[in-house]
Structure formats: C-alpha cells, structure tokens
Amino acid sequence: MNTFADEDGNGPLTSVFGITIFLGFMLFAVQVLLHLYGTSTVSAAAFDGARLMAADGGISCPAAASHVRGILGEYGGKVDVDCPVSNGEVVEVRVVGPSPAPLVGGFLRNFDLGDIERTARVRVEVFRPGGP
C-alpha cells in the first residue's frame, strides 16, 4: 500500500507564489539601485560643473550646463540645469531630472520623491599673488 501522507514536498501553487514574491523583491532592489546610481551620477556632474565655474577664469553658466549634460550623456537631455547663485564668492549649479528607474520613479513621483534634485555649491577660487 503506497500512501503519500508521509512524503513532504511543495505543490506547484506555493512554488509559483514563492518565485513571484522573490522576483518582485529582485525587481524592487534593481529599481532602487538604478535610482541611487542616477542620484550619485547627477551629484557628481553638478559638482563638476560648479567646480569649473568656480575656477580662476572659470566658465559661464551656459557652458557649465552644457558640460553637465555632456557628462550625463543620453540622460542629460532629460534634466534641467541652472545656476541660481553666483555672487562672486560662491557659485551654485542645480540639476533636476526624473529618476532613471521607471518603476520606482513613477511610483515615488506620487509622493514627490521620484525626481532627482541636486545642488552643488563651490567657493570661487581667486588667485592672490604674494601670499595668502
């Protein structure tokens, strides 16, 4: 007499649910990583543009915006770059754009968290001959 009551195993329904939940978590993790990568890339590009503007004999705001868009590549066409502050001591470059992660960015945009907004402030470098 062969009974299956003493044999343990998974049914196909529980396996499908388990795999679906696992793949959902993996998709969410990849989307979060894409958003974090986009945030760090935009931060670095904004800082580089501000650094070039603040250098002695630095570049103008339109040239800095062009440089930032060039660093960001294809994503640079989706961002807005402006220079709200330039008072002689500090320059500022502000970059705002959508998240490169479509699922997380679209979901978080409902909570005003889906856009990437970074501002870089750098003190202006001035050459002072004869000492500090």
N, C-alpha and C. Protein backbone atom coordinates (compact mmCIF):
# COMPACT_ATOMS: atom_id res chain seq x y z
N MET A 1 0.84 -1.17 0.00
CA MET A 1 0.00 0.00 0.00
C MET A 1 0.89 1.25 0.00
N ASN A 2 0.68 2.12 -0.98
CA ASN A 2 1.51 3.31 -1.16
C ASN A 2 0.70 4.54 -0.78
N THR A 3 1.13 5.22 0.30
CA THR A 3 0.44 6.45 0.73
C THR A 3 1.41 7.61 0.59
N PHE A 4 0.86 8.72 0.26
CA PHE A 4 1.68 9.93 0.08
C PHE A 4 1.65 10.82 1.31
N ALA A 5 1.01 10.43 2.36
CA ALA A 5 0.87 11.27 3.54
C ALA A 5 2.21 11.50 4.24
N ASP A 6 3.13 10.55 4.15
CA ASP A 6 4.40 10.72 4.84
C ASP A 6 5.47 11.40 3.98
N GLU A 7 5.17 11.76 2.75
CA GLU A 7 6.13 12.42 1.88
C GLU A 7 5.91 13.93 1.91
N ASP A 8 7.00 14.68 2.16
CA ASP A 8 6.92 16.14 2.19
C ASP A 8 7.33 16.69 0.82
N GLY A 9 6.78 17.82 0.50
CA GLY A 9 7.13 18.47 -0.77
C GLY A 9 6.31 19.72 -0.96
N ASN A 10 6.62 20.42 -2.01
CA ASN A 10 5.89 21.64 -2.34
C ASN A 10 4.98 21.39 -3.51
N GLY A 11 3.82 22.00 -3.43
CA GLY A 11 2.92 21.95 -4.55
C GLY A 11 3.26 23.03 -5.55
N PRO A 12 2.75 22.93 -6.75
CA PRO A 12 3.07 23.93 -7.76
C PRO A 12 2.54 25.33 -7.41
N LEU A 13 1.43 25.41 -6.70
CA LEU A 13 0.85 26.70 -6.37
C LEU A 13 1.74 27.47 -5.40
N THR A 14 2.25 26.83 -4.37
CA THR A 14 3.13 27.52 -3.42
C THR A 14 4.47 27.88 -4.07
N SER A 15 4.95 27.04 -4.97
CA SER A 15 6.20 27.37 -5.68
C SER A 15 6.02 28.61 -6.55
N VAL A 16 4.91 28.72 -7.25
CA VAL A 16 4.65 29.88 -8.10
C VAL A 16 4.56 31.14 -7.24
N PHE A 17 3.88 31.09 -6.12
CA PHE A 17 3.79 32.26 -5.23
C PHE A 17 5.17 32.64 -4.69
N GLY A 18 5.95 31.67 -4.30
CA GLY A 18 7.28 31.94 -3.77
C GLY A 18 8.19 32.58 -4.80
N ILE A 19 8.19 32.05 -6.01
CA ILE A 19 9.02 32.60 -7.08
C ILE A 19 8.56 34.01 -7.45
N THR A 20 7.25 34.23 -7.48
CA THR A 20 6.72 35.55 -7.81
C THR A 20 7.14 36.58 -6.77
N ILE A 21 7.06 36.24 -5.50
CA ILE A 21 7.48 37.17 -4.45
C ILE A 21 8.98 37.44 -4.54
N PHE A 22 9.77 36.42 -4.78
CA PHE A 22 11.22 36.59 -4.91
C PHE A 22 11.55 37.52 -6.08
N LEU A 23 10.93 37.29 -7.23
CA LEU A 23 11.20 38.13 -8.40
C LEU A 23 10.71 39.57 -8.18
N GLY A 24 9.63 39.74 -7.44
CA GLY A 24 9.16 41.08 -7.11
C GLY A 24 10.17 41.84 -6.26
N PHE A 25 10.74 41.17 -5.26
CA PHE A 25 11.76 41.80 -4.43
C PHE A 25 13.02 42.12 -5.25
N MET A 26 13.39 41.24 -6.16
CA MET A 26 14.56 41.49 -7.00
C MET A 26 14.32 42.71 -7.91
N LEU A 27 13.12 42.80 -8.49
CA LEU A 27 12.79 43.94 -9.34
C LEU A 27 12.85 45.24 -8.54
N PHE A 28 12.30 45.23 -7.34
CA PHE A 28 12.33 46.43 -6.49
C PHE A 28 13.77 46.81 -6.15
N ALA A 29 14.61 45.81 -5.83
CA ALA A 29 16.01 46.09 -5.48
C ALA A 29 16.75 46.70 -6.68
N VAL A 30 16.53 46.20 -7.87
CA VAL A 30 17.19 46.74 -9.06
C VAL A 30 16.72 48.16 -9.32
N GLN A 31 15.45 48.44 -9.14
CA GLN A 31 14.93 49.78 -9.35
C GLN A 31 15.53 50.77 -8.35
N VAL A 32 15.65 50.36 -7.09
CA VAL A 32 16.25 51.22 -6.07
C VAL A 32 17.72 51.48 -6.41
N LEU A 33 18.44 50.46 -6.86
CA LEU A 33 19.84 50.65 -7.23
C LEU A 33 19.99 51.59 -8.44
N LEU A 34 19.10 51.49 -9.41
CA LEU A 34 19.14 52.41 -10.55
C LEU A 34 18.89 53.85 -10.10
N HIS A 35 17.96 54.03 -9.18
CA HIS A 35 17.68 55.37 -8.67
C HIS A 35 18.88 55.92 -7.91
N LEU A 36 19.52 55.09 -7.09
CA LEU A 36 20.70 55.54 -6.34
C LEU A 36 21.87 55.85 -7.27
N TYR A 37 22.05 55.05 -8.31
CA TYR A 37 23.10 55.30 -9.29
C TYR A 37 22.85 56.62 -10.01
N GLY A 38 21.61 56.87 -10.42
CA GLY A 38 21.27 58.13 -11.08
C GLY A 38 21.50 59.32 -10.16
N THR A 39 21.16 59.17 -8.89
CA THR A 39 21.36 60.26 -7.93
C THR A 39 22.83 60.58 -7.76
N SER A 40 23.66 59.56 -7.62
CA SER A 40 25.09 59.82 -7.44
C SER A 40 25.73 60.38 -8.71
N THR A 41 25.29 59.96 -9.87
CA THR A 41 25.82 60.48 -11.13
C THR A 41 25.45 61.94 -11.33
N VAL A 42 24.20 62.29 -11.02
CA VAL A 42 23.76 63.68 -11.13
C VAL A 42 24.51 64.55 -10.12
N SER A 43 24.75 64.05 -8.92
CA SER A 43 25.51 64.80 -7.92
C SER A 43 26.93 65.09 -8.40
N ALA A 44 27.58 64.08 -8.96
CA ALA A 44 28.95 64.25 -9.45
C ALA A 44 29.00 65.24 -10.61
N ALA A 45 28.04 65.16 -11.52
CA ALA A 45 28.02 66.07 -12.67
C ALA A 45 27.77 67.51 -12.22
N ALA A 46 26.86 67.71 -11.26
CA ALA A 46 26.59 69.05 -10.75
C ALA A 46 27.82 69.64 -10.07
N PHE A 47 28.51 68.82 -9.29
CA PHE A 47 29.71 69.31 -8.62
C PHE A 47 30.80 69.66 -9.63
N ASP A 48 30.94 68.84 -10.67
CA ASP A 48 31.96 69.12 -11.68
C ASP A 48 31.66 70.42 -12.42
N GLY A 49 30.39 70.66 -12.74
CA GLY A 49 30.01 71.91 -13.39
C GLY A 49 30.27 73.11 -12.49
N ALA A 50 29.95 72.99 -11.21
CA ALA A 50 30.20 74.09 -10.27
C ALA A 50 31.70 74.32 -10.08
N ARG A 51 32.47 73.25 -10.05
CA ARG A 51 33.92 73.38 -9.90
C ARG A 51 34.52 74.12 -11.08
N LEU A 52 34.06 73.82 -12.28
CA LEU A 52 34.57 74.52 -13.46
C LEU A 52 34.17 75.99 -13.48
N MET A 53 32.97 76.30 -12.97
CA MET A 53 32.56 77.70 -12.89
C MET A 53 33.36 78.47 -11.84
N ALA A 54 33.73 77.80 -10.76
CA ALA A 54 34.41 78.48 -9.65
C ALA A 54 35.91 78.62 -9.87
N ALA A 55 36.46 77.93 -10.83
CA ALA A 55 37.91 78.01 -11.08
C ALA A 55 38.28 79.42 -11.49
N ASP A 56 39.53 79.77 -11.25
CA ASP A 56 40.03 81.10 -11.62
C ASP A 56 39.93 81.23 -13.14
N GLY A 57 39.13 82.18 -13.61
CA GLY A 57 38.86 82.30 -15.04
C GLY A 57 37.91 81.22 -15.51
N GLY A 58 36.94 80.87 -14.66
CA GLY A 58 36.03 79.75 -14.92
C GLY A 58 35.08 79.99 -16.08
N ILE A 59 34.27 79.00 -16.34
CA ILE A 59 33.34 79.02 -17.47
C ILE A 59 32.02 79.67 -17.06
N SER A 60 31.20 80.01 -18.03
CA SER A 60 29.91 80.64 -17.77
C SER A 60 28.87 79.58 -17.43
N CYS A 61 27.68 80.04 -17.01
CA CYS A 61 26.60 79.12 -16.65
C CYS A 61 26.13 78.28 -17.85
N PRO A 62 25.93 78.86 -19.03
CA PRO A 62 25.53 78.01 -20.17
C PRO A 62 26.59 76.97 -20.52
N ALA A 63 27.86 77.32 -20.40
CA ALA A 63 28.91 76.35 -20.68
C ALA A 63 28.93 75.25 -19.62
N ALA A 64 28.66 75.62 -18.36
CA ALA A 64 28.60 74.62 -17.29
C ALA A 64 27.41 73.68 -17.51
N ALA A 65 26.27 74.24 -17.93
CA ALA A 65 25.10 73.40 -18.21
C ALA A 65 25.38 72.43 -19.35
N SER A 66 26.05 72.91 -20.37
CA SER A 66 26.42 72.04 -21.49
C SER A 66 27.38 70.94 -21.03
N HIS A 67 28.32 71.30 -20.15
CA HIS A 67 29.27 70.31 -19.62
C HIS A 67 28.55 69.25 -18.80
N VAL A 68 27.62 69.68 -17.95
CA VAL A 68 26.86 68.73 -17.12
C VAL A 68 26.05 67.79 -18.00
N ARG A 69 25.39 68.31 -19.02
CA ARG A 69 24.61 67.46 -19.92
C ARG A 69 25.51 66.49 -20.69
N GLY A 70 26.72 66.95 -21.03
CA GLY A 70 27.67 66.07 -21.71
C GLY A 70 28.12 64.92 -20.83
N ILE A 71 28.34 65.21 -19.54
CA ILE A 71 28.74 64.14 -18.61
C ILE A 71 27.62 63.12 -18.46
N LEU A 72 26.37 63.61 -18.41
CA LEU A 72 25.25 62.71 -18.19
C LEU A 72 24.84 61.93 -19.44
N GLY A 73 25.37 62.30 -20.58
CA GLY A 73 25.11 61.54 -21.80
C GLY A 73 23.66 61.65 -22.24
N GLU A 74 23.07 60.52 -22.59
CA GLU A 74 21.69 60.49 -23.08
C GLU A 74 20.72 61.00 -22.02
N TYR A 75 21.01 60.73 -20.76
CA TYR A 75 20.15 61.19 -19.66
C TYR A 75 20.21 62.71 -19.52
N GLY A 76 21.28 63.34 -20.01
CA GLY A 76 21.43 64.79 -19.91
C GLY A 76 20.36 65.57 -20.64
N GLY A 77 19.74 64.98 -21.64
CA GLY A 77 18.66 65.65 -22.35
C GLY A 77 17.37 65.73 -21.55
N LYS A 78 17.28 64.96 -20.47
CA LYS A 78 16.06 64.93 -19.66
C LYS A 78 16.14 65.81 -18.42
N VAL A 79 17.29 66.42 -18.16
CA VAL A 79 17.47 67.20 -16.93
C VAL A 79 17.45 68.69 -17.22
N ASP A 80 17.11 69.46 -16.20
CA ASP A 80 17.19 70.92 -16.25
C ASP A 80 18.38 71.35 -15.43
N VAL A 81 19.22 72.20 -16.00
CA VAL A 81 20.41 72.69 -15.31
C VAL A 81 20.32 74.22 -15.24
N ASP A 82 20.47 74.76 -14.03
CA ASP A 82 20.52 76.21 -13.90
C ASP A 82 21.52 76.60 -12.82
N CYS A 83 21.85 77.88 -12.81
CA CYS A 83 22.85 78.42 -11.88
C CYS A 83 22.20 79.57 -11.12
N PRO A 84 21.45 79.28 -10.06
CA PRO A 84 20.70 80.34 -9.39
C PRO A 84 21.54 81.35 -8.62
N VAL A 85 22.71 80.95 -8.10
CA VAL A 85 23.51 81.85 -7.28
C VAL A 85 24.91 81.97 -7.86
N SER A 86 25.34 83.20 -8.05
CA SER A 86 26.72 83.46 -8.42
C SER A 86 27.03 84.87 -7.94
N ASN A 87 27.40 84.98 -6.65
CA ASN A 87 27.56 86.29 -6.04
C ASN A 87 29.03 86.73 -5.93
N GLY A 88 29.91 86.08 -6.62
CA GLY A 88 31.32 86.44 -6.55
C GLY A 88 32.11 85.60 -5.56
N GLU A 89 31.44 85.06 -4.56
CA GLU A 89 32.12 84.20 -3.59
C GLU A 89 31.75 82.74 -3.75
N VAL A 90 30.52 82.50 -4.13
CA VAL A 90 30.01 81.12 -4.25
C VAL A 90 29.27 80.99 -5.57
N VAL A 91 29.51 79.87 -6.27
CA VAL A 91 28.71 79.54 -7.45
C VAL A 91 27.89 78.30 -7.12
N GLU A 92 26.76 78.21 -7.78
CA GLU A 92 25.84 77.11 -7.50
C GLU A 92 25.31 76.56 -8.82
N VAL A 93 25.28 75.25 -8.92
CA VAL A 93 24.71 74.57 -10.08
C VAL A 93 23.63 73.63 -9.56
N ARG A 94 22.44 73.78 -10.12
CA ARG A 94 21.29 72.96 -9.70
C ARG A 94 20.85 72.10 -10.87
N VAL A 95 20.71 70.81 -10.62
CA VAL A 95 20.31 69.85 -11.65
C VAL A 95 19.05 69.13 -11.16
N VAL A 96 18.00 69.14 -11.99
CA VAL A 96 16.74 68.48 -11.65
C VAL A 96 16.33 67.62 -12.85
N GLY A 97 15.97 66.36 -12.55
CA GLY A 97 15.54 65.47 -13.62
C GLY A 97 14.76 64.30 -13.07
N PRO A 98 14.12 63.55 -13.94
CA PRO A 98 13.36 62.38 -13.50
C PRO A 98 14.29 61.22 -13.12
N SER A 99 13.78 60.34 -12.31
CA SER A 99 14.57 59.17 -11.92
C SER A 99 14.77 58.26 -13.13
N PRO A 100 15.99 57.68 -13.27
CA PRO A 100 16.21 56.74 -14.37
C PRO A 100 15.55 55.38 -14.14
N ALA A 101 15.06 55.14 -12.94
CA ALA A 101 14.37 53.89 -12.64
C ALA A 101 12.88 54.10 -12.90
N PRO A 102 12.33 53.54 -13.97
CA PRO A 102 10.96 53.87 -14.36
C PRO A 102 9.89 53.44 -13.35
N LEU A 103 10.06 52.28 -12.74
CA LEU A 103 9.01 51.82 -11.83
C LEU A 103 9.05 52.56 -10.50
N VAL A 104 10.21 52.66 -9.90
CA VAL A 104 10.32 53.34 -8.61
C VAL A 104 10.09 54.83 -8.80
N GLY A 105 10.66 55.40 -9.87
CA GLY A 105 10.48 56.82 -10.12
C GLY A 105 9.02 57.18 -10.34
N GLY A 106 8.31 56.37 -11.08
CA GLY A 106 6.90 56.64 -11.32
C GLY A 106 6.06 56.48 -10.07
N PHE A 107 6.37 55.50 -9.26
CA PHE A 107 5.63 55.27 -8.02
C PHE A 107 5.93 56.37 -7.01
N LEU A 108 7.21 56.72 -6.87
CA LEU A 108 7.60 57.71 -5.87
C LEU A 108 7.25 59.13 -6.30
N ARG A 109 7.02 59.36 -7.60
CA ARG A 109 6.67 60.70 -8.05
C ARG A 109 5.34 61.13 -7.44
N ASN A 110 4.47 60.16 -7.11
CA ASN A 110 3.22 60.49 -6.45
C ASN A 110 3.46 61.07 -5.06
N PHE A 111 4.61 60.78 -4.47
CA PHE A 111 4.94 61.27 -3.14
C PHE A 111 6.02 62.36 -3.20
N ASP A 112 6.25 62.95 -4.38
CA ASP A 112 7.27 63.98 -4.60
C ASP A 112 8.68 63.50 -4.28
N LEU A 113 8.94 62.23 -4.47
CA LEU A 113 10.27 61.68 -4.23
C LEU A 113 10.88 61.09 -5.49
N GLY A 114 10.17 61.09 -6.61
CA GLY A 114 10.65 60.42 -7.80
C GLY A 114 11.67 61.20 -8.61
N ASP A 115 11.70 62.52 -8.46
CA ASP A 115 12.67 63.31 -9.21
C ASP A 115 13.99 63.38 -8.46
N ILE A 116 15.05 63.54 -9.24
CA ILE A 116 16.38 63.73 -8.65
C ILE A 116 16.67 65.23 -8.71
N GLU A 117 16.97 65.80 -7.58
CA GLU A 117 17.28 67.23 -7.49
C GLU A 117 18.55 67.39 -6.67
N ARG A 118 19.60 67.88 -7.32
CA ARG A 118 20.89 68.05 -6.64
C ARG A 118 21.42 69.46 -6.90
N THR A 119 21.99 70.05 -5.86
CA THR A 119 22.59 71.37 -5.94
C THR A 119 24.02 71.29 -5.44
N ALA A 120 24.96 71.82 -6.21
CA ALA A 120 26.37 71.84 -5.81
C ALA A 120 26.78 73.30 -5.64
N ARG A 121 27.36 73.60 -4.48
CA ARG A 121 27.87 74.95 -4.18
C ARG A 121 29.38 74.87 -3.99
N VAL A 122 30.10 75.75 -4.68
CA VAL A 122 31.56 75.76 -4.61
C VAL A 122 32.01 77.21 -4.45
N ARG A 123 32.98 77.42 -3.56
CA ARG A 123 33.55 78.76 -3.39
C ARG A 123 34.42 79.11 -4.59
N VAL A 124 34.37 80.36 -4.97
CA VAL A 124 35.12 80.85 -6.13
C VAL A 124 36.61 80.91 -5.77
N GLU A 125 37.43 80.41 -6.68
CA GLU A 125 38.87 80.45 -6.48
C GLU A 125 39.41 81.74 -7.07
N VAL A 126 40.19 82.47 -6.26
CA VAL A 126 40.77 83.73 -6.72
C VAL A 126 42.27 83.67 -6.46
N PHE A 127 43.04 83.96 -7.48
CA PHE A 127 44.48 83.96 -7.33
C PHE A 127 44.91 85.23 -6.61
N ARG A 128 45.68 85.09 -5.54
CA ARG A 128 46.18 86.23 -4.77
C ARG A 128 47.69 86.20 -4.79
N PRO A 129 48.29 87.00 -5.62
CA PRO A 129 49.76 86.99 -5.70
C PRO A 129 50.38 87.53 -4.42
N GLY A 130 51.49 86.96 -4.04
CA GLY A 130 52.23 87.46 -2.90
C GLY A 130 51.89 86.82 -1.58
N GLY A 131 51.07 85.83 -1.55
CA GLY A 131 50.81 85.15 -0.29
C GLY A 131 49.34 84.94 -0.03
N PRO A 132 49.05 84.35 1.14
CA PRO A 132 47.67 84.01 1.45
C PRO A 132 46.82 85.15 1.75
